[in-house]
Amino acid sequence: MVHCVGLPLILLAMPGLLTAFNWPEEVHVFAVCLAIPASSLAVYSRWRKLYAAQRRSIITMIVMGLSLLIGALFMREEWQETVLTVCGSVALISAHVMNMRTGVPAA
């Protein structure tokens, strides 16, 4: 359950944390590398019990969120990176909420 709240909040806060603590940009790469398996694990635990329409909508949100986070890695301007990181994080949070609202217990 920690990944449910922790990772999306870290991703949302990433632009501010990088600036406030003067962390290197590689931290963003590390966070994206954590988001990929965490997102996969969250869906996989319920995958076989979900309807096809539920699968498609959740997977679409995950792919969109991860794509935005990966795209943020290539932005030159800080504001562009911030916008893509926040939008990607919101998409992943939305996918997780959709996954939890299916009412299907984790395997």
N, C-alpha and C. Protein backbone atom coordinates (compact mmCIF):
# COMPACT_ATOMS: atom_id res chain seq x y z
N MET A 1 0.82 -1.19 0.00
CA MET A 1 0.00 0.00 0.00
C MET A 1 0.86 1.26 0.00
N VAL A 2 2.11 1.14 0.44
CA VAL A 2 2.99 2.31 0.48
C VAL A 2 3.21 2.88 -0.92
N HIS A 3 3.38 2.01 -1.91
CA HIS A 3 3.60 2.50 -3.27
C HIS A 3 2.38 3.25 -3.79
N CYS A 4 1.21 2.92 -3.26
CA CYS A 4 -0.03 3.53 -3.73
C CYS A 4 -0.02 5.04 -3.50
N VAL A 5 0.46 5.44 -2.37
CA VAL A 5 0.45 6.85 -2.00
C VAL A 5 1.83 7.47 -2.16
N GLY A 6 2.83 6.75 -1.72
CA GLY A 6 4.19 7.29 -1.69
C GLY A 6 4.78 7.67 -3.02
N LEU A 7 4.79 6.74 -3.95
CA LEU A 7 5.44 7.00 -5.24
C LEU A 7 4.77 8.12 -6.02
N PRO A 8 3.43 8.13 -6.15
CA PRO A 8 2.82 9.26 -6.86
C PRO A 8 3.10 10.61 -6.18
N LEU A 9 3.10 10.64 -4.85
CA LEU A 9 3.39 11.90 -4.17
C LEU A 9 4.83 12.33 -4.39
N ILE A 10 5.74 11.38 -4.40
CA ILE A 10 7.14 11.71 -4.69
C ILE A 10 7.28 12.25 -6.10
N LEU A 11 6.59 11.62 -7.05
CA LEU A 11 6.66 12.09 -8.43
C LEU A 11 6.06 13.48 -8.57
N LEU A 12 4.96 13.75 -7.87
CA LEU A 12 4.37 15.08 -7.91
C LEU A 12 5.31 16.13 -7.32
N ALA A 13 6.01 15.75 -6.27
CA ALA A 13 6.90 16.69 -5.59
C ALA A 13 8.28 16.77 -6.22
N MET A 14 8.57 15.90 -7.17
CA MET A 14 9.92 15.80 -7.74
C MET A 14 10.50 17.13 -8.22
N PRO A 15 9.79 17.91 -9.02
CA PRO A 15 10.39 19.17 -9.49
C PRO A 15 10.80 20.08 -8.33
N GLY A 16 9.95 20.22 -7.34
CA GLY A 16 10.27 21.06 -6.19
C GLY A 16 11.40 20.50 -5.35
N LEU A 17 11.41 19.17 -5.18
CA LEU A 17 12.48 18.55 -4.40
C LEU A 17 13.84 18.71 -5.07
N LEU A 18 13.86 18.58 -6.40
CA LEU A 18 15.12 18.73 -7.12
C LEU A 18 15.70 20.12 -6.90
N THR A 19 14.84 21.12 -6.92
CA THR A 19 15.29 22.49 -6.74
C THR A 19 15.64 22.77 -5.28
N ALA A 20 14.76 22.38 -4.37
CA ALA A 20 14.96 22.69 -2.95
C ALA A 20 16.21 22.03 -2.37
N PHE A 21 16.46 20.79 -2.74
CA PHE A 21 17.60 20.07 -2.17
C PHE A 21 18.79 20.01 -3.10
N ASN A 22 18.67 20.69 -4.26
CA ASN A 22 19.76 20.72 -5.24
C ASN A 22 20.20 19.31 -5.63
N TRP A 23 19.21 18.42 -5.82
CA TRP A 23 19.50 17.05 -6.23
C TRP A 23 19.82 17.01 -7.71
N PRO A 24 20.62 16.07 -8.12
CA PRO A 24 20.93 15.97 -9.56
C PRO A 24 19.72 15.47 -10.34
N GLU A 25 19.72 15.73 -11.63
CA GLU A 25 18.62 15.31 -12.51
C GLU A 25 18.45 13.79 -12.56
N GLU A 26 19.48 13.04 -12.22
CA GLU A 26 19.40 11.59 -12.27
C GLU A 26 18.35 11.04 -11.30
N VAL A 27 17.98 11.83 -10.30
CA VAL A 27 16.94 11.40 -9.36
C VAL A 27 15.62 11.19 -10.11
N HIS A 28 15.36 12.03 -11.09
CA HIS A 28 14.14 11.90 -11.89
C HIS A 28 14.15 10.57 -12.65
N VAL A 29 15.30 10.21 -13.21
CA VAL A 29 15.42 8.93 -13.92
C VAL A 29 15.17 7.78 -12.95
N PHE A 30 15.71 7.87 -11.76
CA PHE A 30 15.52 6.84 -10.73
C PHE A 30 14.04 6.71 -10.37
N ALA A 31 13.35 7.85 -10.22
CA ALA A 31 11.92 7.82 -9.87
C ALA A 31 11.09 7.18 -10.97
N VAL A 32 11.43 7.47 -12.23
CA VAL A 32 10.71 6.86 -13.35
C VAL A 32 10.97 5.36 -13.37
N CYS A 33 12.20 4.97 -13.08
CA CYS A 33 12.52 3.53 -13.03
C CYS A 33 11.77 2.82 -11.91
N LEU A 34 11.44 3.52 -10.85
CA LEU A 34 10.61 2.95 -9.78
C LEU A 34 9.13 2.91 -10.17
N ALA A 35 8.70 3.90 -10.93
CA ALA A 35 7.28 3.99 -11.30
C ALA A 35 6.86 2.86 -12.23
N ILE A 36 7.75 2.43 -13.10
CA ILE A 36 7.39 1.38 -14.07
C ILE A 36 7.04 0.07 -13.37
N PRO A 37 7.91 -0.49 -12.52
CA PRO A 37 7.51 -1.74 -11.86
C PRO A 37 6.38 -1.55 -10.84
N ALA A 38 6.32 -0.39 -10.18
CA ALA A 38 5.24 -0.17 -9.21
C ALA A 38 3.88 -0.15 -9.92
N SER A 39 3.81 0.50 -11.07
CA SER A 39 2.57 0.54 -11.85
C SER A 39 2.19 -0.85 -12.34
N SER A 40 3.18 -1.57 -12.80
CA SER A 40 2.93 -2.92 -13.29
C SER A 40 2.43 -3.83 -12.18
N LEU A 41 3.03 -3.73 -11.03
CA LEU A 41 2.63 -4.56 -9.89
C LEU A 41 1.21 -4.25 -9.45
N ALA A 42 0.86 -2.97 -9.43
CA ALA A 42 -0.48 -2.57 -8.99
C ALA A 42 -1.56 -3.15 -9.89
N VAL A 43 -1.32 -3.18 -11.18
CA VAL A 43 -2.32 -3.72 -12.11
C VAL A 43 -2.28 -5.24 -12.15
N TYR A 44 -1.10 -5.80 -12.14
CA TYR A 44 -0.95 -7.25 -12.25
C TYR A 44 -1.69 -8.00 -11.15
N SER A 45 -1.74 -7.42 -9.96
CA SER A 45 -2.39 -8.10 -8.84
C SER A 45 -3.88 -8.33 -9.08
N ARG A 46 -4.48 -7.55 -9.99
CA ARG A 46 -5.90 -7.69 -10.28
C ARG A 46 -6.19 -8.04 -11.74
N TRP A 47 -5.19 -8.14 -12.55
CA TRP A 47 -5.32 -8.22 -14.01
C TRP A 47 -6.34 -9.25 -14.49
N ARG A 48 -6.23 -10.48 -14.08
CA ARG A 48 -7.08 -11.55 -14.60
C ARG A 48 -8.53 -11.42 -14.17
N LYS A 49 -8.78 -10.68 -13.11
CA LYS A 49 -10.14 -10.55 -12.62
C LYS A 49 -10.87 -9.34 -13.18
N LEU A 50 -10.16 -8.50 -13.93
CA LEU A 50 -10.76 -7.29 -14.49
C LEU A 50 -11.43 -7.59 -15.82
N TYR A 51 -12.48 -6.83 -16.13
CA TYR A 51 -13.11 -6.92 -17.44
C TYR A 51 -12.21 -6.25 -18.47
N ALA A 52 -12.39 -6.61 -19.73
CA ALA A 52 -11.54 -6.07 -20.80
C ALA A 52 -11.60 -4.55 -20.85
N ALA A 53 -12.78 -3.97 -20.68
CA ALA A 53 -12.91 -2.51 -20.72
C ALA A 53 -12.15 -1.86 -19.57
N GLN A 54 -12.21 -2.48 -18.40
CA GLN A 54 -11.46 -1.96 -17.25
C GLN A 54 -9.96 -2.04 -17.52
N ARG A 55 -9.52 -3.14 -18.09
CA ARG A 55 -8.10 -3.30 -18.41
C ARG A 55 -7.63 -2.21 -19.35
N ARG A 56 -8.40 -2.00 -20.42
CA ARG A 56 -7.99 -1.00 -21.42
C ARG A 56 -7.88 0.39 -20.82
N SER A 57 -8.87 0.79 -20.04
CA SER A 57 -8.84 2.15 -19.50
C SER A 57 -7.70 2.33 -18.50
N ILE A 58 -7.45 1.33 -17.68
CA ILE A 58 -6.37 1.42 -16.70
C ILE A 58 -5.02 1.41 -17.39
N ILE A 59 -4.84 0.51 -18.34
CA ILE A 59 -3.58 0.43 -19.07
C ILE A 59 -3.33 1.71 -19.85
N THR A 60 -4.38 2.28 -20.44
CA THR A 60 -4.24 3.54 -21.17
C THR A 60 -3.72 4.65 -20.26
N MET A 61 -4.28 4.74 -19.07
CA MET A 61 -3.84 5.77 -18.11
C MET A 61 -2.39 5.52 -17.68
N ILE A 62 -2.04 4.26 -17.46
CA ILE A 62 -0.66 3.96 -17.05
C ILE A 62 0.32 4.30 -18.15
N VAL A 63 0.01 3.89 -19.37
CA VAL A 63 0.91 4.18 -20.50
C VAL A 63 1.03 5.68 -20.70
N MET A 64 -0.08 6.40 -20.60
CA MET A 64 -0.04 7.84 -20.76
C MET A 64 0.82 8.48 -19.65
N GLY A 65 0.60 8.06 -18.42
CA GLY A 65 1.36 8.62 -17.30
C GLY A 65 2.85 8.35 -17.41
N LEU A 66 3.21 7.10 -17.70
CA LEU A 66 4.63 6.77 -17.84
C LEU A 66 5.25 7.48 -19.04
N SER A 67 4.50 7.61 -20.12
CA SER A 67 5.01 8.33 -21.30
C SER A 67 5.30 9.79 -20.97
N LEU A 68 4.41 10.40 -20.22
CA LEU A 68 4.63 11.80 -19.83
C LEU A 68 5.85 11.92 -18.92
N LEU A 69 6.00 10.99 -17.98
CA LEU A 69 7.17 11.03 -17.09
C LEU A 69 8.46 10.82 -17.86
N ILE A 70 8.45 9.90 -18.79
CA ILE A 70 9.65 9.66 -19.61
C ILE A 70 9.91 10.87 -20.50
N GLY A 71 8.86 11.44 -21.07
CA GLY A 71 9.02 12.63 -21.90
C GLY A 71 9.60 13.80 -21.12
N ALA A 72 9.26 13.90 -19.85
CA ALA A 72 9.79 14.98 -19.02
C ALA A 72 11.31 14.91 -18.89
N LEU A 73 11.85 13.72 -19.02
CA LEU A 73 13.31 13.56 -18.93
C LEU A 73 14.04 14.29 -20.06
N PHE A 74 13.35 14.52 -21.16
CA PHE A 74 13.99 15.10 -22.35
C PHE A 74 13.69 16.58 -22.55
N MET A 75 12.99 17.19 -21.61
CA MET A 75 12.65 18.60 -21.73
C MET A 75 13.85 19.47 -21.33
N ARG A 76 14.05 20.52 -22.09
CA ARG A 76 15.17 21.43 -21.81
C ARG A 76 14.78 22.50 -20.78
N GLU A 77 13.56 22.94 -20.85
CA GLU A 77 13.09 23.98 -19.93
C GLU A 77 12.51 23.35 -18.67
N GLU A 78 12.80 23.94 -17.53
CA GLU A 78 12.33 23.38 -16.26
C GLU A 78 10.81 23.39 -16.16
N TRP A 79 10.16 24.44 -16.67
CA TRP A 79 8.71 24.50 -16.57
C TRP A 79 8.06 23.39 -17.38
N GLN A 80 8.66 23.03 -18.53
CA GLN A 80 8.12 21.94 -19.35
C GLN A 80 8.24 20.61 -18.61
N GLU A 81 9.39 20.41 -18.00
CA GLU A 81 9.61 19.18 -17.22
C GLU A 81 8.62 19.10 -16.08
N THR A 82 8.39 20.22 -15.41
CA THR A 82 7.45 20.25 -14.28
C THR A 82 6.04 19.91 -14.73
N VAL A 83 5.59 20.51 -15.82
CA VAL A 83 4.24 20.26 -16.32
C VAL A 83 4.07 18.79 -16.69
N LEU A 84 5.03 18.22 -17.42
CA LEU A 84 4.92 16.81 -17.82
C LEU A 84 4.99 15.88 -16.62
N THR A 85 5.84 16.19 -15.65
CA THR A 85 5.96 15.35 -14.46
C THR A 85 4.66 15.35 -13.66
N VAL A 86 4.08 16.53 -13.47
CA VAL A 86 2.83 16.62 -12.71
C VAL A 86 1.70 15.92 -13.46
N CYS A 87 1.58 16.14 -14.76
CA CYS A 87 0.52 15.49 -15.55
C CYS A 87 0.70 13.97 -15.55
N GLY A 88 1.92 13.50 -15.69
CA GLY A 88 2.19 12.06 -15.66
C GLY A 88 1.86 11.46 -14.31
N SER A 89 2.20 12.18 -13.25
CA SER A 89 1.89 11.69 -11.90
C SER A 89 0.40 11.63 -11.66
N VAL A 90 -0.32 12.63 -12.12
CA VAL A 90 -1.79 12.64 -11.97
C VAL A 90 -2.40 11.48 -12.76
N ALA A 91 -1.87 11.20 -13.94
CA ALA A 91 -2.38 10.06 -14.73
C ALA A 91 -2.14 8.75 -14.00
N LEU A 92 -0.97 8.58 -13.39
CA LEU A 92 -0.68 7.34 -12.66
C LEU A 92 -1.55 7.23 -11.41
N ILE A 93 -1.76 8.34 -10.74
CA ILE A 93 -2.64 8.33 -9.57
C ILE A 93 -4.06 7.95 -10.00
N SER A 94 -4.51 8.52 -11.12
CA SER A 94 -5.85 8.21 -11.63
C SER A 94 -5.98 6.73 -11.99
N ALA A 95 -4.93 6.18 -12.63
CA ALA A 95 -4.95 4.76 -12.97
C ALA A 95 -5.03 3.91 -11.71
N HIS A 96 -4.31 4.32 -10.69
CA HIS A 96 -4.34 3.55 -9.45
C HIS A 96 -5.71 3.63 -8.79
N VAL A 97 -6.31 4.79 -8.78
CA VAL A 97 -7.66 4.95 -8.21
C VAL A 97 -8.65 4.10 -9.00
N MET A 98 -8.56 4.13 -10.33
CA MET A 98 -9.43 3.31 -11.16
C MET A 98 -9.25 1.83 -10.84
N ASN A 99 -8.00 1.43 -10.65
CA ASN A 99 -7.70 0.03 -10.33
C ASN A 99 -8.29 -0.36 -8.98
N MET A 100 -8.19 0.53 -8.00
CA MET A 100 -8.71 0.23 -6.67
C MET A 100 -10.24 0.23 -6.66
N ARG A 101 -10.86 1.05 -7.48
CA ARG A 101 -12.33 1.15 -7.50
C ARG A 101 -13.00 0.00 -8.22
N THR A 102 -12.24 -0.86 -8.85
CA THR A 102 -12.86 -2.00 -9.53
C THR A 102 -13.52 -2.94 -8.53
N GLY A 103 -13.09 -2.86 -7.28
CA GLY A 103 -13.67 -3.72 -6.26
C GLY A 103 -13.15 -5.14 -6.30
N VAL A 104 -12.17 -5.38 -7.15
CA VAL A 104 -11.59 -6.72 -7.26
C VAL A 104 -10.44 -6.82 -6.26
N PRO A 105 -10.48 -7.83 -5.37
CA PRO A 105 -9.39 -7.98 -4.41
C PRO A 105 -8.08 -8.37 -5.10
N ALA A 106 -6.98 -7.90 -4.53
CA ALA A 106 -5.67 -8.24 -5.08
C ALA A 106 -5.44 -9.74 -4.91
N ALA A 107 -4.72 -10.31 -5.86
CA ALA A 107 -4.47 -11.76 -5.83
C ALA A 107 -3.51 -12.12 -4.73
